[in-house]
Amino acid sequence: MRESCGNCRYFMVVENDRTQDFCRRYPPDQFLIDQPASPLVGGAPGGKSVITRWPIVNAIQWCGEWEAADGYGGESALKSEPLGEEPDQ
């Protein structure tokens, strides 16, 4: 088995956007961004916003902290779940 993000226990597949898969080895980072005023949301004023996210990775990358996914069979152990729904038990 070749060690890569795609078969690492910390890899999280984002089902609806394969360009946005995440590494959950460490807590997510926070970023302060400038939020422009929004004419679409009743003229909401602009300002600063904090976003939080895990590092975006590609399944073929590798970082050196790789650990095999439980029951690796070609799929990651972590899957994203739609908001508001409980994961399958």
PDB file of N, CA and C in Angstrom:
ATOM      1  N   MET A   1       0.848  -1.176   0.000  1.00  0.00           N
ATOM      2  CA  MET A   1       0.000   0.000   0.000  1.00  0.00           C
ATOM      3  C   MET A   1       0.894   1.241   0.000  1.00  0.00           C
ATOM      4  N   ARG A   2       0.654   2.132  -0.914  1.00  0.00           N
ATOM      5  CA  ARG A   2       1.410   3.382  -0.995  1.00  0.00           C
ATOM      6  C   ARG A   2       0.840   4.377   0.009  1.00  0.00           C
ATOM      7  N   GLU A   3       1.688   4.979   0.829  1.00  0.00           N
ATOM      8  CA  GLU A   3       1.247   5.959   1.812  1.00  0.00           C
ATOM      9  C   GLU A   3       0.890   7.265   1.111  1.00  0.00           C
ATOM     10  N   SER A   4      -0.362   7.700   1.263  1.00  0.00           N
ATOM     11  CA  SER A   4      -0.815   8.966   0.691  1.00  0.00           C
ATOM     12  C   SER A   4      -2.002   9.464   1.499  1.00  0.00           C
ATOM     13  N   CYS A   5      -2.353  10.713   1.306  1.00  0.00           N
ATOM     14  CA  CYS A   5      -3.486  11.279   2.037  1.00  0.00           C
ATOM     15  C   CYS A   5      -4.758  10.456   1.826  1.00  0.00           C
ATOM     16  N   GLY A   6      -4.959   9.956   0.625  1.00  0.00           N
ATOM     17  CA  GLY A   6      -6.189   9.235   0.294  1.00  0.00           C
ATOM     18  C   GLY A   6      -6.420   7.974   1.100  1.00  0.00           C
ATOM     19  N   ASN A   7      -5.361   7.370   1.674  1.00  0.00           N
ATOM     20  CA  ASN A   7      -5.565   6.185   2.498  1.00  0.00           C
ATOM     21  C   ASN A   7      -5.071   6.413   3.928  1.00  0.00           C
ATOM     22  N   CYS A   8      -5.073   7.673   4.346  1.00  0.00           N
ATOM     23  CA  CYS A   8      -4.680   8.047   5.706  1.00  0.00           C
ATOM     24  C   CYS A   8      -5.912   8.182   6.590  1.00  0.00           C
ATOM     25  N   ARG A   9      -5.774   7.841   7.850  1.00  0.00           N
ATOM     26  CA  ARG A   9      -6.908   7.923   8.776  1.00  0.00           C
ATOM     27  C   ARG A   9      -7.395   9.348   9.002  1.00  0.00           C
ATOM     28  N   TYR A  10      -6.585  10.358   8.713  1.00  0.00           N
ATOM     29  CA  TYR A  10      -6.958  11.749   8.953  1.00  0.00           C
ATOM     30  C   TYR A  10      -7.560  12.438   7.730  1.00  0.00           C
ATOM     31  N   PHE A  11      -7.626  11.749   6.625  1.00  0.00           N
ATOM     32  CA  PHE A  11      -8.161  12.303   5.373  1.00  0.00           C
ATOM     33  C   PHE A  11      -9.681  12.311   5.428  1.00  0.00           C
ATOM     34  N   MET A  12     -10.298  13.456   5.117  1.00  0.00           N
ATOM     35  CA  MET A  12     -11.758  13.557   5.096  1.00  0.00           C
ATOM     36  C   MET A  12     -12.207  13.927   3.694  1.00  0.00           C
ATOM     37  N   VAL A  13     -12.989  13.066   3.101  1.00  0.00           N
ATOM     38  CA  VAL A  13     -13.519  13.292   1.765  1.00  0.00           C
ATOM     39  C   VAL A  13     -14.728  14.225   1.854  1.00  0.00           C
ATOM     40  N   VAL A  14     -14.718  15.263   1.043  1.00  0.00           N
ATOM     41  CA  VAL A  14     -15.878  16.138   0.918  1.00  0.00           C
ATOM     42  C   VAL A  14     -16.607  15.681  -0.337  1.00  0.00           C
ATOM     43  N   GLU A  15     -17.706  14.980  -0.134  1.00  0.00           N
ATOM     44  CA  GLU A  15     -18.390  14.280  -1.233  1.00  0.00           C
ATOM     45  C   GLU A  15     -18.839  15.190  -2.378  1.00  0.00           C
ATOM     46  N   ASN A  16     -19.293  16.400  -2.075  1.00  0.00           N
ATOM     47  CA  ASN A  16     -19.844  17.240  -3.144  1.00  0.00           C
ATOM     48  C   ASN A  16     -18.803  18.126  -3.815  1.00  0.00           C
ATOM     49  N   ASP A  17     -17.533  18.074  -3.373  1.00  0.00           N
ATOM     50  CA  ASP A  17     -16.497  18.899  -3.982  1.00  0.00           C
ATOM     51  C   ASP A  17     -15.141  18.250  -3.775  1.00  0.00           C
ATOM     52  N   ARG A  18     -14.719  17.412  -4.707  1.00  0.00           N
ATOM     53  CA  ARG A  18     -13.470  16.660  -4.543  1.00  0.00           C
ATOM     54  C   ARG A  18     -12.224  17.535  -4.603  1.00  0.00           C
ATOM     55  N   THR A  19     -12.359  18.845  -4.860  1.00  0.00           N
ATOM     56  CA  THR A  19     -11.204  19.740  -4.800  1.00  0.00           C
ATOM     57  C   THR A  19     -11.017  20.300  -3.396  1.00  0.00           C
ATOM     58  N   GLN A  20     -11.878  19.919  -2.463  1.00  0.00           N
ATOM     59  CA  GLN A  20     -11.853  20.476  -1.121  1.00  0.00           C
ATOM     60  C   GLN A  20     -11.731  19.406  -0.042  1.00  0.00           C
ATOM     61  N   ASP A  21     -11.016  18.314  -0.290  1.00  0.00           N
ATOM     62  CA  ASP A  21     -10.816  17.289   0.736  1.00  0.00           C
ATOM     63  C   ASP A  21      -9.896  17.845   1.818  1.00  0.00           C
ATOM     64  N   PHE A  22     -10.075  17.371   3.063  1.00  0.00           N
ATOM     65  CA  PHE A  22      -9.365  17.952   4.195  1.00  0.00           C
ATOM     66  C   PHE A  22      -8.464  16.959   4.918  1.00  0.00           C
ATOM     67  N   CYS A  23      -7.437  17.493   5.562  1.00  0.00           N
ATOM     68  CA  CYS A  23      -6.611  16.739   6.494  1.00  0.00           C
ATOM     69  C   CYS A  23      -7.021  17.152   7.897  1.00  0.00           C
ATOM     70  N   ARG A  24      -7.423  16.173   8.721  1.00  0.00           N
ATOM     71  CA  ARG A  24      -7.874  16.471  10.075  1.00  0.00           C
ATOM     72  C   ARG A  24      -6.886  15.965  11.117  1.00  0.00           C
ATOM     73  N   ARG A  25      -5.604  15.987  10.782  1.00  0.00           N
ATOM     74  CA  ARG A  25      -4.568  15.547  11.715  1.00  0.00           C
ATOM     75  C   ARG A  25      -4.472  16.466  12.920  1.00  0.00           C
ATOM     76  N   TYR A  26      -4.593  17.764  12.702  1.00  0.00           N
ATOM     77  CA  TYR A  26      -4.523  18.775  13.755  1.00  0.00           C
ATOM     78  C   TYR A  26      -5.805  19.602  13.753  1.00  0.00           C
ATOM     79  N   PRO A  27      -6.055  20.392  14.799  1.00  0.00           N
ATOM     80  CA  PRO A  27      -7.260  21.242  14.797  1.00  0.00           C
ATOM     81  C   PRO A  27      -7.253  22.187  13.593  1.00  0.00           C
ATOM     82  N   PRO A  28      -8.437  22.628  13.169  1.00  0.00           N
ATOM     83  CA  PRO A  28      -8.494  23.542  12.019  1.00  0.00           C
ATOM     84  C   PRO A  28      -7.842  24.884  12.338  1.00  0.00           C
ATOM     85  N   ASP A  29      -7.398  25.554  11.281  1.00  0.00           N
ATOM     86  CA  ASP A  29      -6.826  26.893  11.408  1.00  0.00           C
ATOM     87  C   ASP A  29      -7.927  27.931  11.299  1.00  0.00           C
ATOM     88  N   GLN A  30      -7.695  29.095  11.878  1.00  0.00           N
ATOM     89  CA  GLN A  30      -8.627  30.214  11.749  1.00  0.00           C
ATOM     90  C   GLN A  30      -7.972  31.315  10.937  1.00  0.00           C
ATOM     91  N   PHE A  31      -8.773  31.962  10.114  1.00  0.00           N
ATOM     92  CA  PHE A  31      -8.301  33.031   9.247  1.00  0.00           C
ATOM     93  C   PHE A  31      -9.215  34.233   9.398  1.00  0.00           C
ATOM     94  N   LEU A  32      -8.633  35.415   9.441  1.00  0.00           N
ATOM     95  CA  LEU A  32      -9.393  36.659   9.471  1.00  0.00           C
ATOM     96  C   LEU A  32      -9.450  37.176   8.044  1.00  0.00           C
ATOM     97  N   ILE A  33     -10.659  37.369   7.531  1.00  0.00           N
ATOM     98  CA  ILE A  33     -10.809  37.822   6.148  1.00  0.00           C
ATOM     99  C   ILE A  33     -11.629  39.100   6.101  1.00  0.00           C
ATOM    100  N   ASP A  34     -11.422  39.884   5.053  1.00  0.00           N
ATOM    101  CA  ASP A  34     -12.242  41.067   4.805  1.00  0.00           C
ATOM    102  C   ASP A  34     -13.514  40.625   4.114  1.00  0.00           C
ATOM    103  N   GLN A  35     -14.639  41.005   4.672  1.00  0.00           N
ATOM    104  CA  GLN A  35     -15.937  40.650   4.106  1.00  0.00           C
ATOM    105  C   GLN A  35     -16.512  41.905   3.451  1.00  0.00           C
ATOM    106  N   PRO A  36     -16.683  41.899   2.131  1.00  0.00           N
ATOM    107  CA  PRO A  36     -17.238  43.089   1.479  1.00  0.00           C
ATOM    108  C   PRO A  36     -18.715  43.275   1.837  1.00  0.00           C
ATOM    109  N   ALA A  37     -19.180  44.479   1.692  1.00  0.00           N
ATOM    110  CA  ALA A  37     -20.609  44.747   1.899  1.00  0.00           C
ATOM    111  C   ALA A  37     -21.407  43.903   0.918  1.00  0.00           C
ATOM    112  N   SER A  38     -22.580  43.454   1.342  1.00  0.00           N
ATOM    113  CA  SER A  38     -23.368  42.557   0.505  1.00  0.00           C
ATOM    114  C   SER A  38     -24.688  43.190   0.096  1.00  0.00           C
ATOM    115  N   PRO A  39     -24.819  43.562  -1.168  1.00  0.00           N
ATOM    116  CA  PRO A  39     -26.113  44.093  -1.629  1.00  0.00           C
ATOM    117  C   PRO A  39     -27.176  43.001  -1.696  1.00  0.00           C
ATOM    118  N   LEU A  40     -26.775  41.745  -1.685  1.00  0.00           N
ATOM    119  CA  LEU A  40     -27.735  40.639  -1.783  1.00  0.00           C
ATOM    120  C   LEU A  40     -28.374  40.302  -0.443  1.00  0.00           C
ATOM    121  N   VAL A  41     -27.780  40.747   0.653  1.00  0.00           N
ATOM    122  CA  VAL A  41     -28.312  40.420   1.980  1.00  0.00           C
ATOM    123  C   VAL A  41     -28.767  41.713   2.651  1.00  0.00           C
ATOM    124  N   GLY A  42     -29.667  42.413   2.005  1.00  0.00           N
ATOM    125  CA  GLY A  42     -30.230  43.624   2.576  1.00  0.00           C
ATOM    126  C   GLY A  42     -29.211  44.716   2.840  1.00  0.00           C
ATOM    127  N   GLY A  43     -28.144  44.764   2.054  1.00  0.00           N
ATOM    128  CA  GLY A  43     -27.131  45.790   2.245  1.00  0.00           C
ATOM    129  C   GLY A  43     -26.296  45.589   3.491  1.00  0.00           C
ATOM    130  N   ALA A  44     -26.099  44.320   3.904  1.00  0.00           N
ATOM    131  CA  ALA A  44     -25.301  44.036   5.099  1.00  0.00           C
ATOM    132  C   ALA A  44     -23.928  44.697   4.979  1.00  0.00           C
ATOM    133  N   PRO A  45     -23.487  45.351   6.061  1.00  0.00           N
ATOM    134  CA  PRO A  45     -22.196  46.037   5.990  1.00  0.00           C
ATOM    135  C   PRO A  45     -21.044  45.053   5.884  1.00  0.00           C
ATOM    136  N   GLY A  46     -19.955  45.524   5.314  1.00  0.00           N
ATOM    137  CA  GLY A  46     -18.746  44.709   5.245  1.00  0.00           C
ATOM    138  C   GLY A  46     -18.028  44.738   6.581  1.00  0.00           C
ATOM    139  N   GLY A  47     -16.919  44.064   6.658  1.00  0.00           N
ATOM    140  CA  GLY A  47     -16.147  44.031   7.892  1.00  0.00           C
ATOM    141  C   GLY A  47     -15.242  42.825   7.907  1.00  0.00           C
ATOM    142  N   LYS A  48     -14.797  42.482   9.079  1.00  0.00           N
ATOM    143  CA  LYS A  48     -13.919  41.331   9.253  1.00  0.00           C
ATOM    144  C   LYS A  48     -14.750  40.105   9.640  1.00  0.00           C
ATOM    145  N   SER A  49     -14.361  38.954   9.118  1.00  0.00           N
ATOM    146  CA  SER A  49     -14.991  37.680   9.474  1.00  0.00           C
ATOM    147  C   SER A  49     -13.903  36.671   9.783  1.00  0.00           C
ATOM    148  N   VAL A  50     -14.212  35.763  10.672  1.00  0.00           N
ATOM    149  CA  VAL A  50     -13.287  34.679  10.989  1.00  0.00           C
ATOM    150  C   VAL A  50     -13.838  33.407  10.355  1.00  0.00           C
ATOM    151  N   ILE A  51     -13.002  32.729   9.581  1.00  0.00           N
ATOM    152  CA  ILE A  51     -13.392  31.431   9.044  1.00  0.00           C
ATOM    153  C   ILE A  51     -12.455  30.380   9.642  1.00  0.00           C
ATOM    154  N   THR A  52     -12.974  29.189   9.782  1.00  0.00           N
ATOM    155  CA  THR A  52     -12.202  28.085  10.339  1.00  0.00           C
ATOM    156  C   THR A  52     -12.262  26.927   9.359  1.00  0.00           C
ATOM    157  N   ARG A  53     -11.096  26.342   9.061  1.00  0.00           N
ATOM    158  CA  ARG A  53     -11.100  25.181   8.168  1.00  0.00           C
ATOM    159  C   ARG A  53      -9.820  24.369   8.332  1.00  0.00           C
ATOM    160  N   TRP A  54      -9.950  23.105   7.980  1.00  0.00           N
ATOM    161  CA  TRP A  54      -8.792  22.213   7.966  1.00  0.00           C
ATOM    162  C   TRP A  54      -8.012  22.450   6.678  1.00  0.00           C
ATOM    163  N   PRO A  55      -6.729  22.074   6.664  1.00  0.00           N
ATOM    164  CA  PRO A  55      -5.958  22.222   5.430  1.00  0.00           C
ATOM    165  C   PRO A  55      -6.581  21.419   4.281  1.00  0.00           C
ATOM    166  N   ILE A  56      -6.627  22.031   3.115  1.00  0.00           N
ATOM    167  CA  ILE A  56      -7.132  21.361   1.917  1.00  0.00           C
ATOM    168  C   ILE A  56      -5.989  20.524   1.345  1.00  0.00           C
ATOM    169  N   VAL A  57      -6.269  19.250   1.067  1.00  0.00           N
ATOM    170  CA  VAL A  57      -5.258  18.350   0.526  1.00  0.00           C
ATOM    171  C   VAL A  57      -5.826  17.588  -0.663  1.00  0.00           C
ATOM    172  N   ASN A  58      -4.940  16.957  -1.384  1.00  0.00           N
ATOM    173  CA  ASN A  58      -5.301  16.108  -2.500  1.00  0.00           C
ATOM    174  C   ASN A  58      -5.002  14.667  -2.091  1.00  0.00           C
ATOM    175  N   ALA A  59      -5.802  13.725  -2.524  1.00  0.00           N
ATOM    176  CA  ALA A  59      -5.644  12.318  -2.124  1.00  0.00           C
ATOM    177  C   ALA A  59      -4.262  11.749  -2.439  1.00  0.00           C
ATOM    178  N   ILE A  60      -3.552  12.294  -3.415  1.00  0.00           N
ATOM    179  CA  ILE A  60      -2.241  11.736  -3.774  1.00  0.00           C
ATOM    180  C   ILE A  60      -1.086  12.399  -3.023  1.00  0.00           C
ATOM    181  N   GLN A  61      -1.384  13.385  -2.172  1.00  0.00           N
ATOM    182  CA  GLN A  61      -0.333  14.033  -1.393  1.00  0.00           C
ATOM    183  C   GLN A  61       0.089  13.160  -0.218  1.00  0.00           C
ATOM    184  N   TRP A  62       1.152  13.570   0.443  1.00  0.00           N
ATOM    185  CA  TRP A  62       1.681  12.850   1.597  1.00  0.00           C
ATOM    186  C   TRP A  62       2.454  13.835   2.449  1.00  0.00           C
ATOM    187  N   CYS A  63       2.352  13.767   3.794  1.00  0.00           N
ATOM    188  CA  CYS A  63       2.993  14.770   4.635  1.00  0.00           C
ATOM    189  C   CYS A  63       4.015  14.214   5.611  1.00  0.00           C
ATOM    190  N   GLY A  64       4.075  12.937   5.834  1.00  0.00           N
ATOM    191  CA  GLY A  64       5.013  12.381   6.798  1.00  0.00           C
ATOM    192  C   GLY A  64       4.365  11.997   8.115  1.00  0.00           C
ATOM    193  N   GLU A  65       3.107  12.350   8.322  1.00  0.00           N
ATOM    194  CA  GLU A  65       2.396  11.956   9.535  1.00  0.00           C
ATOM    195  C   GLU A  65       1.292  10.962   9.205  1.00  0.00           C
ATOM    196  N   TRP A  66       1.460  10.291   8.099  1.00  0.00           N
ATOM    197  CA  TRP A  66       0.475   9.340   7.597  1.00  0.00           C
ATOM    198  C   TRP A  66       0.251   8.208   8.587  1.00  0.00           C
ATOM    199  N   GLU A  67      -1.019   7.826   8.753  1.00  0.00           N
ATOM    200  CA  GLU A  67      -1.395   6.618   9.496  1.00  0.00           C
ATOM    201  C   GLU A  67      -2.468   5.924   8.677  1.00  0.00           C
ATOM    202  N   ALA A  68      -2.397   4.614   8.599  1.00  0.00           N
ATOM    203  CA  ALA A  68      -3.356   3.856   7.787  1.00  0.00           C
ATOM    204  C   ALA A  68      -4.779   4.069   8.284  1.00  0.00           C
ATOM    205  N   ALA A  69      -5.697   4.249   7.337  1.00  0.00           N
ATOM    206  CA  ALA A  69      -7.117   4.352   7.675  1.00  0.00           C
ATOM    207  C   ALA A  69      -7.595   2.994   8.174  1.00  0.00           C
ATOM    208  N   ASP A  70      -8.479   2.993   9.163  1.00  0.00           N
ATOM    209  CA  ASP A  70      -9.038   1.741   9.679  1.00  0.00           C
ATOM    210  C   ASP A  70      -9.749   1.002   8.559  1.00  0.00           C
ATOM    211  N   GLY A  71      -9.426  -0.255   8.391  1.00  0.00           N
ATOM    212  CA  GLY A  71     -10.078  -1.074   7.373  1.00  0.00           C
ATOM    213  C   GLY A  71      -9.831  -0.567   5.971  1.00  0.00           C
ATOM    214  N   TYR A  72      -8.647  -0.019   5.725  1.00  0.00           N
ATOM    215  CA  TYR A  72      -8.378   0.552   4.409  1.00  0.00           C
ATOM    216  C   TYR A  72      -8.666  -0.450   3.309  1.00  0.00           C
ATOM    217  N   GLY A  73      -9.524  -0.004   2.382  1.00  0.00           N
ATOM    218  CA  GLY A  73      -9.838  -0.821   1.231  1.00  0.00           C
ATOM    219  C   GLY A  73     -10.010   0.054   0.007  1.00  0.00           C
ATOM    220  N   GLY A  74      -9.301   1.185  -0.001  1.00  0.00           N
ATOM    221  CA  GLY A  74      -9.406   2.102  -1.124  1.00  0.00           C
ATOM    222  C   GLY A  74     -10.226   3.337  -0.824  1.00  0.00           C
ATOM    223  N   GLU A  75     -10.869   3.379   0.335  1.00  0.00           N
ATOM    224  CA  GLU A  75     -11.674   4.527   0.717  1.00  0.00           C
ATOM    225  C   GLU A  75     -11.195   5.061   2.050  1.00  0.00           C
ATOM    226  N   SER A  76     -11.355   6.338   2.262  1.00  0.00           N
ATOM    227  CA  SER A  76     -10.962   6.967   3.515  1.00  0.00           C
ATOM    228  C   SER A  76     -11.893   6.541   4.643  1.00  0.00           C
ATOM    229  N   ALA A  77     -11.372   6.546   5.863  1.00  0.00           N
ATOM    230  CA  ALA A  77     -12.173   6.213   7.037  1.00  0.00           C
ATOM    231  C   ALA A  77     -13.110   7.347   7.413  1.00  0.00           C
ATOM    232  N   LEU A  78     -12.788   8.591   7.050  1.00  0.00           N
ATOM    233  CA  LEU A  78     -13.608   9.741   7.401  1.00  0.00           C
ATOM    234  C   LEU A  78     -14.394  10.202   6.189  1.00  0.00           C
ATOM    235  N   LYS A  79     -15.664  10.448   6.381  1.00  0.00           N
ATOM    236  CA  LYS A  79     -16.516  10.970   5.319  1.00  0.00           C
ATOM    237  C   LYS A  79     -17.248  12.180   5.870  1.00  0.00           C
ATOM    238  N   SER A  80     -17.445  13.195   5.048  1.00  0.00           N
ATOM    239  CA  SER A  80     -18.225  14.331   5.495  1.00  0.00           C
ATOM    240  C   SER A  80     -19.697  13.942   5.470  1.00  0.00           C
ATOM    241  N   GLU A  81     -20.466  14.552   6.350  1.00  0.00           N
ATOM    242  CA  GLU A  81     -21.905  14.305   6.410  1.00  0.00           C
ATOM    243  C   GLU A  81     -22.618  15.620   6.124  1.00  0.00           C
ATOM    244  N   PRO A  82     -23.746  15.582   5.431  1.00  0.00           N
ATOM    245  CA  PRO A  82     -24.505  16.813   5.208  1.00  0.00           C
ATOM    246  C   PRO A  82     -24.903  17.424   6.547  1.00  0.00           C
ATOM    247  N   LEU A  83     -24.872  18.740   6.619  1.00  0.00           N
ATOM    248  CA  LEU A  83     -25.252  19.423   7.855  1.00  0.00           C
ATOM    249  C   LEU A  83     -26.694  19.086   8.224  1.00  0.00           C
ATOM    250  N   GLY A  84     -26.943  18.919   9.509  1.00  0.00           N
ATOM    251  CA  GLY A  84     -28.286  18.663   9.989  1.00  0.00           C
ATOM    252  C   GLY A  84     -28.700  17.211   9.946  1.00  0.00           C
ATOM    253  N   GLU A  85     -27.852  16.331   9.457  1.00  0.00           N
ATOM    254  CA  GLU A  85     -28.175  14.919   9.414  1.00  0.00           C
ATOM    255  C   GLU A  85     -27.205  14.140  10.259  1.00  0.00           C
ATOM    256  N   GLU A  86     -27.673  13.114  10.915  1.00  0.00           N
ATOM    257  CA  GLU A  86     -26.822  12.262  11.727  1.00  0.00           C
ATOM    258  C   GLU A  86     -26.105  11.269  10.840  1.00  0.00           C
ATOM    259  N   PRO A  87     -24.824  11.003  11.130  1.00  0.00           N
ATOM    260  CA  PRO A  87     -24.119   9.968  10.335  1.00  0.00           C
ATOM    261  C   PRO A  87     -24.723   8.594  10.572  1.00  0.00           C
ATOM    262  N   ASP A  88     -24.585   7.723   9.573  1.00  0.00           N
ATOM    263  CA  ASP A  88     -25.066   6.350   9.697  1.00  0.00           C
ATOM    264  C   ASP A  88     -24.315   5.658  10.817  1.00  0.00           C
ATOM    265  N   GLN A  89     -25.023   4.880  11.589  1.00  0.00           N
ATOM    266  CA  GLN A  89     -24.393   4.151  12.715  1.00  0.00           C
ATOM    267  C   GLN A  89     -23.982   2.773  12.297  1.00  0.00           C
TER     268      GLN A  89
END
